[in-house]
Amino acid sequence: MGTRTGTIENLLDTLAPLPLSARKMFGEYALYLDGKVVALVCDDQLFLKPTPGAQAALPDCPTAPPYPGAKLHLLVTDALDDPDRVITALKSVAAETLAPKPKKQKKPKT
């Protein structure tokens, strides 16, 4: 089905105190904070990486895979009613996630 643009706009507005950015990937979206993927939005649902800090901030969130074959993530549903808890969880995920490896530059063709 894919995630609707309106869902992403709503999430970014709700979580506006954070400098989140969204990037479309295969019909779904990845949410970035500090250059790191901290969450996925699949089928209009928010999935956070299940880091210890995120699980502590959102202890009642169920887990589910964002897409078939994926590892379990925190499925944020009712917690969106309290954006401060979600913001705390997203900050924790960013702090606990390694920065992506820099891409190697391609050698110019000769």
PDB file of N, CA and C in Angstrom:
ATOM      1  N   MET A   1       0.824  -1.184   0.000  1.00  0.00           N
ATOM      2  CA  MET A   1       0.000   0.000   0.000  1.00  0.00           C
ATOM      3  C   MET A   1       0.868   1.247   0.000  1.00  0.00           C
ATOM      4  N   GLY A   2       1.885   1.317   0.831  1.00  0.00           N
ATOM      5  CA  GLY A   2       2.750   2.489   0.888  1.00  0.00           C
ATOM      6  C   GLY A   2       2.219   3.528   1.854  1.00  0.00           C
ATOM      7  N   THR A   3       3.117   4.321   2.347  1.00  0.00           N
ATOM      8  CA  THR A   3       2.771   5.364   3.309  1.00  0.00           C
ATOM      9  C   THR A   3       2.387   6.639   2.580  1.00  0.00           C
ATOM     10  N   ARG A   4       1.336   7.276   3.055  1.00  0.00           N
ATOM     11  CA  ARG A   4       0.874   8.523   2.447  1.00  0.00           C
ATOM     12  C   ARG A   4       1.740   9.694   2.902  1.00  0.00           C
ATOM     13  N   THR A   5       1.915  10.665   2.024  1.00  0.00           N
ATOM     14  CA  THR A   5       2.698  11.857   2.341  1.00  0.00           C
ATOM     15  C   THR A   5       2.096  12.602   3.523  1.00  0.00           C
ATOM     16  N   GLY A   6       0.779  12.620   3.629  1.00  0.00           N
ATOM     17  CA  GLY A   6       0.110  13.297   4.745  1.00  0.00           C
ATOM     18  C   GLY A   6       0.491  12.709   6.091  1.00  0.00           C
ATOM     19  N   THR A   7       0.705  11.407   6.131  1.00  0.00           N
ATOM     20  CA  THR A   7       1.126  10.758   7.378  1.00  0.00           C
ATOM     21  C   THR A   7       2.493  11.271   7.797  1.00  0.00           C
ATOM     22  N   ILE A   8       3.408  11.379   6.852  1.00  0.00           N
ATOM     23  CA  ILE A   8       4.759  11.868   7.153  1.00  0.00           C
ATOM     24  C   ILE A   8       4.701  13.311   7.622  1.00  0.00           C
ATOM     25  N   GLU A   9       3.930  14.138   6.924  1.00  0.00           N
ATOM     26  CA  GLU A   9       3.807  15.546   7.322  1.00  0.00           C
ATOM     27  C   GLU A   9       3.245  15.658   8.731  1.00  0.00           C
ATOM     28  N   ASN A  10       2.243  14.857   9.053  1.00  0.00           N
ATOM     29  CA  ASN A  10       1.645  14.871  10.388  1.00  0.00           C
ATOM     30  C   ASN A  10       2.665  14.451  11.450  1.00  0.00           C
ATOM     31  N   LEU A  11       3.420  13.388  11.187  1.00  0.00           N
ATOM     32  CA  LEU A  11       4.438  12.938  12.141  1.00  0.00           C
ATOM     33  C   LEU A  11       5.509  13.999  12.356  1.00  0.00           C
ATOM     34  N   LEU A  12       5.980  14.598  11.274  1.00  0.00           N
ATOM     35  CA  LEU A  12       7.018  15.624  11.403  1.00  0.00           C
ATOM     36  C   LEU A  12       6.498  16.836  12.171  1.00  0.00           C
ATOM     37  N   ASP A  13       5.228  17.194  11.974  1.00  0.00           N
ATOM     38  CA  ASP A  13       4.629  18.301  12.732  1.00  0.00           C
ATOM     39  C   ASP A  13       4.492  17.940  14.205  1.00  0.00           C
ATOM     40  N   THR A  14       4.027  16.731  14.489  1.00  0.00           N
ATOM     41  CA  THR A  14       3.833  16.285  15.867  1.00  0.00           C
ATOM     42  C   THR A  14       5.155  16.233  16.618  1.00  0.00           C
ATOM     43  N   LEU A  15       6.202  15.834  15.931  1.00  0.00           N
ATOM     44  CA  LEU A  15       7.520  15.682  16.552  1.00  0.00           C
ATOM     45  C   LEU A  15       8.441  16.851  16.202  1.00  0.00           C
ATOM     46  N   ALA A  16       7.838  18.016  15.915  1.00  0.00           N
ATOM     47  CA  ALA A  16       8.560  19.191  15.431  1.00  0.00           C
ATOM     48  C   ALA A  16       9.701  19.678  16.320  1.00  0.00           C
ATOM     49  N   PRO A  17       9.668  19.515  17.633  1.00  0.00           N
ATOM     50  CA  PRO A  17      10.833  19.974  18.400  1.00  0.00           C
ATOM     51  C   PRO A  17      12.142  19.292  17.977  1.00  0.00           C
ATOM     52  N   LEU A  18      12.050  18.158  17.323  1.00  0.00           N
ATOM     53  CA  LEU A  18      13.242  17.461  16.838  1.00  0.00           C
ATOM     54  C   LEU A  18      13.502  17.829  15.382  1.00  0.00           C
ATOM     55  N   PRO A  19      14.768  17.945  15.006  1.00  0.00           N
ATOM     56  CA  PRO A  19      15.086  18.215  13.596  1.00  0.00           C
ATOM     57  C   PRO A  19      15.072  16.925  12.765  1.00  0.00           C
ATOM     58  N   LEU A  20      13.915  16.297  12.700  1.00  0.00           N
ATOM     59  CA  LEU A  20      13.760  15.059  11.928  1.00  0.00           C
ATOM     60  C   LEU A  20      13.651  15.370  10.446  1.00  0.00           C
ATOM     61  N   SER A  21      14.134  14.454   9.644  1.00  0.00           N
ATOM     62  CA  SER A  21      13.902  14.540   8.206  1.00  0.00           C
ATOM     63  C   SER A  21      13.410  13.174   7.746  1.00  0.00           C
ATOM     64  N   ALA A  22      12.677  13.176   6.662  1.00  0.00           N
ATOM     65  CA  ALA A  22      12.116  11.931   6.131  1.00  0.00           C
ATOM     66  C   ALA A  22      12.641  11.718   4.725  1.00  0.00           C
ATOM     67  N   ARG A  23      12.888  10.460   4.410  1.00  0.00           N
ATOM     68  CA  ARG A  23      13.376  10.114   3.086  1.00  0.00           C
ATOM     69  C   ARG A  23      12.590   8.908   2.585  1.00  0.00           C
ATOM     70  N   LYS A  24      12.068   9.045   1.379  1.00  0.00           N
ATOM     71  CA  LYS A  24      11.264   7.967   0.807  1.00  0.00           C
ATOM     72  C   LYS A  24      12.174   6.829   0.360  1.00  0.00           C
ATOM     73  N   MET A  25      11.758   5.612   0.744  1.00  0.00           N
ATOM     74  CA  MET A  25      12.529   4.426   0.388  1.00  0.00           C
ATOM     75  C   MET A  25      11.565   3.297   0.054  1.00  0.00           C
ATOM     76  N   PHE A  26      11.519   2.889  -1.178  1.00  0.00           N
ATOM     77  CA  PHE A  26      10.700   1.752  -1.610  1.00  0.00           C
ATOM     78  C   PHE A  26       9.224   1.919  -1.255  1.00  0.00           C
ATOM     79  N   GLY A  27       8.689   3.111  -1.395  1.00  0.00           N
ATOM     80  CA  GLY A  27       7.279   3.359  -1.110  1.00  0.00           C
ATOM     81  C   GLY A  27       6.992   3.646   0.347  1.00  0.00           C
ATOM     82  N   GLU A  28       7.980   3.483   1.192  1.00  0.00           N
ATOM     83  CA  GLU A  28       7.840   3.769   2.620  1.00  0.00           C
ATOM     84  C   GLU A  28       8.837   4.869   2.964  1.00  0.00           C
ATOM     85  N   TYR A  29       8.989   5.184   4.245  1.00  0.00           N
ATOM     86  CA  TYR A  29       9.866   6.280   4.643  1.00  0.00           C
ATOM     87  C   TYR A  29      10.786   5.871   5.782  1.00  0.00           C
ATOM     88  N   ALA A  30      11.967   6.480   5.792  1.00  0.00           N
ATOM     89  CA  ALA A  30      12.883   6.376   6.921  1.00  0.00           C
ATOM     90  C   ALA A  30      12.950   7.761   7.553  1.00  0.00           C
ATOM     91  N   LEU A  31      12.935   7.814   8.884  1.00  0.00           N
ATOM     92  CA  LEU A  31      13.086   9.077   9.595  1.00  0.00           C
ATOM     93  C   LEU A  31      14.511   9.168  10.113  1.00  0.00           C
ATOM     94  N   TYR A  32      15.128  10.322   9.879  1.00  0.00           N
ATOM     95  CA  TYR A  32      16.515  10.545  10.253  1.00  0.00           C
ATOM     96  C   TYR A  32      16.613  11.605  11.343  1.00  0.00           C
ATOM     97  N   LEU A  33      17.535  11.382  12.273  1.00  0.00           N
ATOM     98  CA  LEU A  33      17.878  12.357  13.306  1.00  0.00           C
ATOM     99  C   LEU A  33      19.389  12.302  13.451  1.00  0.00           C
ATOM    100  N   ASP A  34      20.029  13.443  13.354  1.00  0.00           N
ATOM    101  CA  ASP A  34      21.497  13.510  13.430  1.00  0.00           C
ATOM    102  C   ASP A  34      22.161  12.623  12.379  1.00  0.00           C
ATOM    103  N   GLY A  35      21.555  12.513  11.206  1.00  0.00           N
ATOM    104  CA  GLY A  35      22.121  11.723  10.124  1.00  0.00           C
ATOM    105  C   GLY A  35      21.972  10.223  10.289  1.00  0.00           C
ATOM    106  N   LYS A  36      21.198   9.792  11.276  1.00  0.00           N
ATOM    107  CA  LYS A  36      21.017   8.367  11.556  1.00  0.00           C
ATOM    108  C   LYS A  36      19.555   7.983  11.359  1.00  0.00           C
ATOM    109  N   VAL A  37      19.329   6.789  10.835  1.00  0.00           N
ATOM    110  CA  VAL A  37      17.959   6.285  10.728  1.00  0.00           C
ATOM    111  C   VAL A  37      17.505   5.901  12.130  1.00  0.00           C
ATOM    112  N   VAL A  38      16.438   6.552  12.607  1.00  0.00           N
ATOM    113  CA  VAL A  38      15.933   6.278  13.954  1.00  0.00           C
ATOM    114  C   VAL A  38      14.576   5.587  13.932  1.00  0.00           C
ATOM    115  N   ALA A  39      13.883   5.667  12.796  1.00  0.00           N
ATOM    116  CA  ALA A  39      12.548   5.070  12.715  1.00  0.00           C
ATOM    117  C   ALA A  39      12.183   4.823  11.260  1.00  0.00           C
ATOM    118  N   LEU A  40      11.216   3.955  11.080  1.00  0.00           N
ATOM    119  CA  LEU A  40      10.642   3.689   9.768  1.00  0.00           C
ATOM    120  C   LEU A  40       9.149   3.973   9.839  1.00  0.00           C
ATOM    121  N   VAL A  41       8.600   4.428   8.737  1.00  0.00           N
ATOM    122  CA  VAL A  41       7.153   4.597   8.637  1.00  0.00           C
ATOM    123  C   VAL A  41       6.711   3.709   7.483  1.00  0.00           C
ATOM    124  N   CYS A  42       5.998   2.652   7.831  1.00  0.00           N
ATOM    125  CA  CYS A  42       5.544   1.665   6.850  1.00  0.00           C
ATOM    126  C   CYS A  42       4.039   1.478   6.997  1.00  0.00           C
ATOM    127  N   ASP A  43       3.336   1.525   5.881  1.00  0.00           N
ATOM    128  CA  ASP A  43       1.874   1.397   5.892  1.00  0.00           C
ATOM    129  C   ASP A  43       1.244   2.360   6.896  1.00  0.00           C
ATOM    130  N   ASP A  44       1.743   3.591   6.916  1.00  0.00           N
ATOM    131  CA  ASP A  44       1.223   4.664   7.780  1.00  0.00           C
ATOM    132  C   ASP A  44       1.380   4.364   9.271  1.00  0.00           C
ATOM    133  N   GLN A  45       2.344   3.528   9.636  1.00  0.00           N
ATOM    134  CA  GLN A  45       2.602   3.216  11.042  1.00  0.00           C
ATOM    135  C   GLN A  45       4.053   3.547  11.365  1.00  0.00           C
ATOM    136  N   LEU A  46       4.288   4.066  12.587  1.00  0.00           N
ATOM    137  CA  LEU A  46       5.621   4.459  13.029  1.00  0.00           C
ATOM    138  C   LEU A  46       6.289   3.308  13.773  1.00  0.00           C
ATOM    139  N   PHE A  47       7.482   2.933  13.319  1.00  0.00           N
ATOM    140  CA  PHE A  47       8.269   1.866  13.935  1.00  0.00           C
ATOM    141  C   PHE A  47       9.611   2.442  14.372  1.00  0.00           C
ATOM    142  N   LEU A  48       9.936   2.339  15.663  1.00  0.00           N
ATOM    143  CA  LEU A  48      11.215   2.803  16.185  1.00  0.00           C
ATOM    144  C   LEU A  48      12.165   1.635  16.361  1.00  0.00           C
ATOM    145  N   LYS A  49      13.461   1.926  16.199  1.00  0.00           N
ATOM    146  CA  LYS A  49      14.463   0.903  16.493  1.00  0.00           C
ATOM    147  C   LYS A  49      14.348   0.547  17.967  1.00  0.00           C
ATOM    148  N   PRO A  50      14.413  -0.722  18.302  1.00  0.00           N
ATOM    149  CA  PRO A  50      14.199  -1.143  19.695  1.00  0.00           C
ATOM    150  C   PRO A  50      15.465  -1.066  20.551  1.00  0.00           C
ATOM    151  N   THR A  51      16.017   0.124  20.710  1.00  0.00           N
ATOM    152  CA  THR A  51      17.194   0.286  21.566  1.00  0.00           C
ATOM    153  C   THR A  51      16.754   0.262  23.028  1.00  0.00           C
ATOM    154  N   PRO A  52      17.671   0.007  23.951  1.00  0.00           N
ATOM    155  CA  PRO A  52      17.291   0.001  25.374  1.00  0.00           C
ATOM    156  C   PRO A  52      16.639   1.313  25.831  1.00  0.00           C
ATOM    157  N   GLY A  53      17.156   2.441  25.367  1.00  0.00           N
ATOM    158  CA  GLY A  53      16.581   3.729  25.753  1.00  0.00           C
ATOM    159  C   GLY A  53      15.170   3.927  25.228  1.00  0.00           C
ATOM    160  N   ALA A  54      14.935   3.496  23.998  1.00  0.00           N
ATOM    161  CA  ALA A  54      13.594   3.618  23.420  1.00  0.00           C
ATOM    162  C   ALA A  54      12.616   2.710  24.148  1.00  0.00           C
ATOM    163  N   GLN A  55      13.062   1.508  24.488  1.00  0.00           N
ATOM    164  CA  GLN A  55      12.186   0.585  25.210  1.00  0.00           C
ATOM    165  C   GLN A  55      11.875   1.106  26.609  1.00  0.00           C
ATOM    166  N   ALA A  56      12.832   1.795  27.237  1.00  0.00           N
ATOM    167  CA  ALA A  56      12.588   2.377  28.560  1.00  0.00           C
ATOM    168  C   ALA A  56      11.614   3.549  28.473  1.00  0.00           C
ATOM    169  N   ALA A  57      11.716   4.344  27.400  1.00  0.00           N
ATOM    170  CA  ALA A  57      10.832   5.500  27.237  1.00  0.00           C
ATOM    171  C   ALA A  57       9.417   5.087  26.840  1.00  0.00           C
ATOM    172  N   LEU A  58       9.307   3.975  26.132  1.00  0.00           N
ATOM    173  CA  LEU A  58       8.007   3.501  25.637  1.00  0.00           C
ATOM    174  C   LEU A  58       7.800   2.038  26.037  1.00  0.00           C
ATOM    175  N   PRO A  59       7.706   1.761  27.340  1.00  0.00           N
ATOM    176  CA  PRO A  59       7.640   0.361  27.786  1.00  0.00           C
ATOM    177  C   PRO A  59       6.369  -0.376  27.373  1.00  0.00           C
ATOM    178  N   ASP A  60       5.310   0.346  27.068  1.00  0.00           N
ATOM    179  CA  ASP A  60       4.039  -0.298  26.733  1.00  0.00           C
ATOM    180  C   ASP A  60       3.852  -0.537  25.239  1.00  0.00           C
ATOM    181  N   CYS A  61       4.808  -0.102  24.417  1.00  0.00           N
ATOM    182  CA  CYS A  61       4.659  -0.266  22.968  1.00  0.00           C
ATOM    183  C   CYS A  61       4.863  -1.721  22.569  1.00  0.00           C
ATOM    184  N   PRO A  62       3.974  -2.226  21.744  1.00  0.00           N
ATOM    185  CA  PRO A  62       4.168  -3.587  21.237  1.00  0.00           C
ATOM    186  C   PRO A  62       5.297  -3.603  20.204  1.00  0.00           C
ATOM    187  N   THR A  63       5.774  -4.779  19.878  1.00  0.00           N
ATOM    188  CA  THR A  63       6.777  -4.905  18.827  1.00  0.00           C
ATOM    189  C   THR A  63       6.157  -5.615  17.632  1.00  0.00           C
ATOM    190  N   ALA A  64       6.653  -5.248  16.468  1.00  0.00           N
ATOM    191  CA  ALA A  64       6.185  -5.856  15.223  1.00  0.00           C
ATOM    192  C   ALA A  64       7.224  -5.558  14.148  1.00  0.00           C
ATOM    193  N   PRO A  65       7.296  -6.385  13.124  1.00  0.00           N
ATOM    194  CA  PRO A  65       8.209  -6.073  12.020  1.00  0.00           C
ATOM    195  C   PRO A  65       7.574  -5.005  11.125  1.00  0.00           C
ATOM    196  N   PRO A  66       8.357  -4.018  10.685  1.00  0.00           N
ATOM    197  CA  PRO A  66       7.787  -2.985   9.810  1.00  0.00           C
ATOM    198  C   PRO A  66       7.421  -3.504   8.423  1.00  0.00           C
ATOM    199  N   TYR A  67       8.058  -4.586   8.008  1.00  0.00           N
ATOM    200  CA  TYR A  67       7.748  -5.214   6.721  1.00  0.00           C
ATOM    201  C   TYR A  67       8.117  -6.692   6.841  1.00  0.00           C
ATOM    202  N   PRO A  68       7.593  -7.542   5.987  1.00  0.00           N
ATOM    203  CA  PRO A  68       7.864  -8.982   6.104  1.00  0.00           C
ATOM    204  C   PRO A  68       9.365  -9.284   6.061  1.00  0.00           C
ATOM    205  N   GLY A  69       9.805 -10.081   7.016  1.00  0.00           N
ATOM    206  CA  GLY A  69      11.202 -10.478   7.070  1.00  0.00           C
ATOM    207  C   GLY A  69      12.091  -9.547   7.873  1.00  0.00           C
ATOM    208  N   ALA A  70      11.551  -8.432   8.349  1.00  0.00           N
ATOM    209  CA  ALA A  70      12.344  -7.464   9.114  1.00  0.00           C
ATOM    210  C   ALA A  70      12.423  -7.872  10.579  1.00  0.00           C
ATOM    211  N   LYS A  71      13.429  -7.330  11.267  1.00  0.00           N
ATOM    212  CA  LYS A  71      13.532  -7.536  12.709  1.00  0.00           C
ATOM    213  C   LYS A  71      12.410  -6.764  13.395  1.00  0.00           C
ATOM    214  N   LEU A  72      12.110  -7.152  14.625  1.00  0.00           N
ATOM    215  CA  LEU A  72      11.053  -6.474  15.378  1.00  0.00           C
ATOM    216  C   LEU A  72      11.472  -5.054  15.740  1.00  0.00           C
ATOM    217  N   HIS A  73      10.535  -4.133  15.629  1.00  0.00           N
ATOM    218  CA  HIS A  73      10.702  -2.735  16.014  1.00  0.00           C
ATOM    219  C   HIS A  73       9.572  -2.387  16.984  1.00  0.00           C
ATOM    220  N   LEU A  74       9.714  -1.259  17.665  1.00  0.00           N
ATOM    221  CA  LEU A  74       8.633  -0.778  18.523  1.00  0.00           C
ATOM    222  C   LEU A  74       7.563  -0.158  17.639  1.00  0.00           C
ATOM    223  N   LEU A  75       6.356  -0.624  17.747  1.00  0.00           N
ATOM    224  CA  LEU A  75       5.232  -0.088  16.980  1.00  0.00           C
ATOM    225  C   LEU A  75       4.576   0.997  17.819  1.00  0.00           C
ATOM    226  N   VAL A  76       4.773   2.242  17.409  1.00  0.00           N
ATOM    227  CA  VAL A  76       4.283   3.384  18.179  1.00  0.00           C
ATOM    228  C   VAL A  76       2.857   3.690  17.740  1.00  0.00           C
ATOM    229  N   THR A  77       1.913   3.476  18.639  1.00  0.00           N
ATOM    230  CA  THR A  77       0.506   3.749  18.328  1.00  0.00           C
ATOM    231  C   THR A  77      -0.035   4.752  19.340  1.00  0.00           C
ATOM    232  N   ASP A  78      -0.476   4.278  20.481  1.00  0.00           N
ATOM    233  CA  ASP A  78      -1.050   5.159  21.504  1.00  0.00           C
ATOM    234  C   ASP A  78      -0.039   6.159  22.039  1.00  0.00           C
ATOM    235  N   ALA A  79       1.242   5.851  21.969  1.00  0.00           N
ATOM    236  CA  ALA A  79       2.274   6.747  22.501  1.00  0.00           C
ATOM    237  C   ALA A  79       2.309   8.076  21.758  1.00  0.00           C
ATOM    238  N   LEU A  80       1.791   8.123  20.538  1.00  0.00           N
ATOM    239  CA  LEU A  80       1.770   9.390  19.806  1.00  0.00           C
ATOM    240  C   LEU A  80       0.860  10.416  20.467  1.00  0.00           C
ATOM    241  N   ASP A  81      -0.007   9.959  21.381  1.00  0.00           N
ATOM    242  CA  ASP A  81      -0.832  10.895  22.144  1.00  0.00           C
ATOM    243  C   ASP A  81       0.021  11.688  23.126  1.00  0.00           C
ATOM    244  N   ASP A  82       1.228  11.210  23.423  1.00  0.00           N
ATOM    245  CA  ASP A  82       2.174  11.884  24.311  1.00  0.00           C
ATOM    246  C   ASP A  82       3.485  12.066  23.539  1.00  0.00           C
ATOM    247  N   PRO A  83       3.551  13.098  22.677  1.00  0.00           N
ATOM    248  CA  PRO A  83       4.725  13.268  21.816  1.00  0.00           C
ATOM    249  C   PRO A  83       6.039  13.396  22.583  1.00  0.00           C
ATOM    250  N   ASP A  84       5.991  13.920  23.809  1.00  0.00           N
ATOM    251  CA  ASP A  84       7.232  14.077  24.573  1.00  0.00           C
ATOM    252  C   ASP A  84       7.903  12.729  24.826  1.00  0.00           C
ATOM    253  N   ARG A  85       7.113  11.702  25.089  1.00  0.00           N
ATOM    254  CA  ARG A  85       7.684  10.361  25.295  1.00  0.00           C
ATOM    255  C   ARG A  85       8.309   9.831  24.005  1.00  0.00           C
ATOM    256  N   VAL A  86       7.662  10.086  22.889  1.00  0.00           N
ATOM    257  CA  VAL A  86       8.191   9.626  21.605  1.00  0.00           C
ATOM    258  C   VAL A  86       9.468  10.393  21.271  1.00  0.00           C
ATOM    259  N   ILE A  87       9.480  11.691  21.557  1.00  0.00           N
ATOM    260  CA  ILE A  87      10.678  12.505  21.324  1.00  0.00           C
ATOM    261  C   ILE A  87      11.839  11.983  22.163  1.00  0.00           C
ATOM    262  N   THR A  88      11.569  11.670  23.430  1.00  0.00           N
ATOM    263  CA  THR A  88      12.606  11.102  24.301  1.00  0.00           C
ATOM    264  C   THR A  88      13.128   9.791  23.720  1.00  0.00           C
ATOM    265  N   ALA A  89      12.231   8.956  23.243  1.00  0.00           N
ATOM    266  CA  ALA A  89      12.632   7.675  22.656  1.00  0.00           C
ATOM    267  C   ALA A  89      13.476   7.885  21.398  1.00  0.00           C
ATOM    268  N   LEU A  90      13.074   8.821  20.545  1.00  0.00           N
ATOM    269  CA  LEU A  90      13.829   9.086  19.318  1.00  0.00           C
ATOM    270  C   LEU A  90      15.225   9.615  19.631  1.00  0.00           C
ATOM    271  N   LYS A  91      15.330  10.484  20.630  1.00  0.00           N
ATOM    272  CA  LYS A  91      16.648  10.983  21.043  1.00  0.00           C
ATOM    273  C   LYS A  91      17.519   9.834  21.540  1.00  0.00           C
ATOM    274  N   SER A  92      16.923   8.916  22.283  1.00  0.00           N
ATOM    275  CA  SER A  92      17.663   7.751  22.778  1.00  0.00           C
ATOM    276  C   SER A  92      18.154   6.884  21.628  1.00  0.00           C
ATOM    277  N   VAL A  93      17.293   6.666  20.659  1.00  0.00           N
ATOM    278  CA  VAL A  93      17.685   5.851  19.505  1.00  0.00           C
ATOM    279  C   VAL A  93      18.872   6.498  18.790  1.00  0.00           C
ATOM    280  N   ALA A  94      18.805   7.813  18.582  1.00  0.00           N
ATOM    281  CA  ALA A  94      19.898   8.509  17.897  1.00  0.00           C
ATOM    282  C   ALA A  94      21.197   8.406  18.695  1.00  0.00           C
ATOM    283  N   ALA A  95      21.101   8.537  20.019  1.00  0.00           N
ATOM    284  CA  ALA A  95      22.296   8.465  20.862  1.00  0.00           C
ATOM    285  C   ALA A  95      22.890   7.057  20.888  1.00  0.00           C
ATOM    286  N   GLU A  96      22.048   6.044  20.763  1.00  0.00           N
ATOM    287  CA  GLU A  96      22.498   4.656  20.886  1.00  0.00           C
ATOM    288  C   GLU A  96      22.812   3.994  19.543  1.00  0.00           C
ATOM    289  N   THR A  97      22.602   4.720  18.452  1.00  0.00           N
ATOM    290  CA  THR A  97      22.830   4.164  17.122  1.00  0.00           C
ATOM    291  C   THR A  97      24.145   4.693  16.566  1.00  0.00           C
ATOM    292  N   LEU A  98      24.916   3.808  15.984  1.00  0.00           N
ATOM    293  CA  LEU A  98      26.175   4.220  15.375  1.00  0.00           C
ATOM    294  C   LEU A  98      25.909   5.058  14.133  1.00  0.00           C
ATOM    295  N   ALA A  99      26.815   5.996  13.879  1.00  0.00           N
ATOM    296  CA  ALA A  99      26.710   6.808  12.671  1.00  0.00           C
ATOM    297  C   ALA A  99      26.971   5.916  11.462  1.00  0.00           C
ATOM    298  N   PRO A 100      26.323   6.212  10.346  1.00  0.00           N
ATOM    299  CA  PRO A 100      26.563   5.395   9.154  1.00  0.00           C
ATOM    300  C   PRO A 100      28.007   5.549   8.686  1.00  0.00           C
ATOM    301  N   LYS A 101      28.526   4.482   8.115  1.00  0.00           N
ATOM    302  CA  LYS A 101      29.886   4.536   7.586  1.00  0.00           C
ATOM    303  C   LYS A 101      29.908   5.463   6.382  1.00  0.00           C
ATOM    304  N   PRO A 102      30.967   6.275   6.271  1.00  0.00           N
ATOM    305  CA  PRO A 102      31.036   7.147   5.091  1.00  0.00           C
ATOM    306  C   PRO A 102      31.192   6.310   3.825  1.00  0.00           C
ATOM    307  N   LYS A 103      30.542   6.753   2.792  1.00  0.00           N
ATOM    308  CA  LYS A 103      30.618   6.033   1.525  1.00  0.00           C
ATOM    309  C   LYS A 103      31.986   6.270   0.893  1.00  0.00           C
ATOM    310  N   LYS A 104      32.524   5.218   0.309  1.00  0.00           N
ATOM    311  CA  LYS A 104      33.797   5.347  -0.384  1.00  0.00           C
ATOM    312  C   LYS A 104      33.558   6.060  -1.703  1.00  0.00           C
ATOM    313  N   GLN A 105      34.494   6.926  -2.030  1.00  0.00           N
ATOM    314  CA  GLN A 105      34.377   7.623  -3.301  1.00  0.00           C
ATOM    315  C   GLN A 105      34.762   6.672  -4.423  1.00  0.00           C
ATOM    316  N   LYS A 106      34.004   6.747  -5.476  1.00  0.00           N
ATOM    317  CA  LYS A 106      34.292   5.906  -6.630  1.00  0.00           C
ATOM    318  C   LYS A 106      35.527   6.441  -7.341  1.00  0.00           C
ATOM    319  N   LYS A 107      36.320   5.513  -7.831  1.00  0.00           N
ATOM    320  CA  LYS A 107      37.494   5.921  -8.591  1.00  0.00           C
ATOM    321  C   LYS A 107      37.026   6.416  -9.952  1.00  0.00           C
ATOM    322  N   PRO A 108      37.594   7.516 -10.395  1.00  0.00           N
ATOM    323  CA  PRO A 108      37.182   8.016 -11.714  1.00  0.00           C
ATOM    324  C   PRO A 108      37.604   7.045 -12.816  1.00  0.00           C
ATOM    325  N   LYS A 109      36.764   6.950 -13.815  1.00  0.00           N
ATOM    326  CA  LYS A 109      37.077   6.081 -14.952  1.00  0.00           C
ATOM    327  C   LYS A 109      38.187   6.720 -15.765  1.00  0.00           C
ATOM    328  N   THR A 110      39.092   5.883 -16.205  1.00  0.00           N
ATOM    329  CA  THR A 110      40.206   6.416 -17.007  1.00  0.00           C
ATOM    330  C   THR A 110      40.092   6.031 -18.446  1.00  0.00           C
TER     331      THR A 110
END
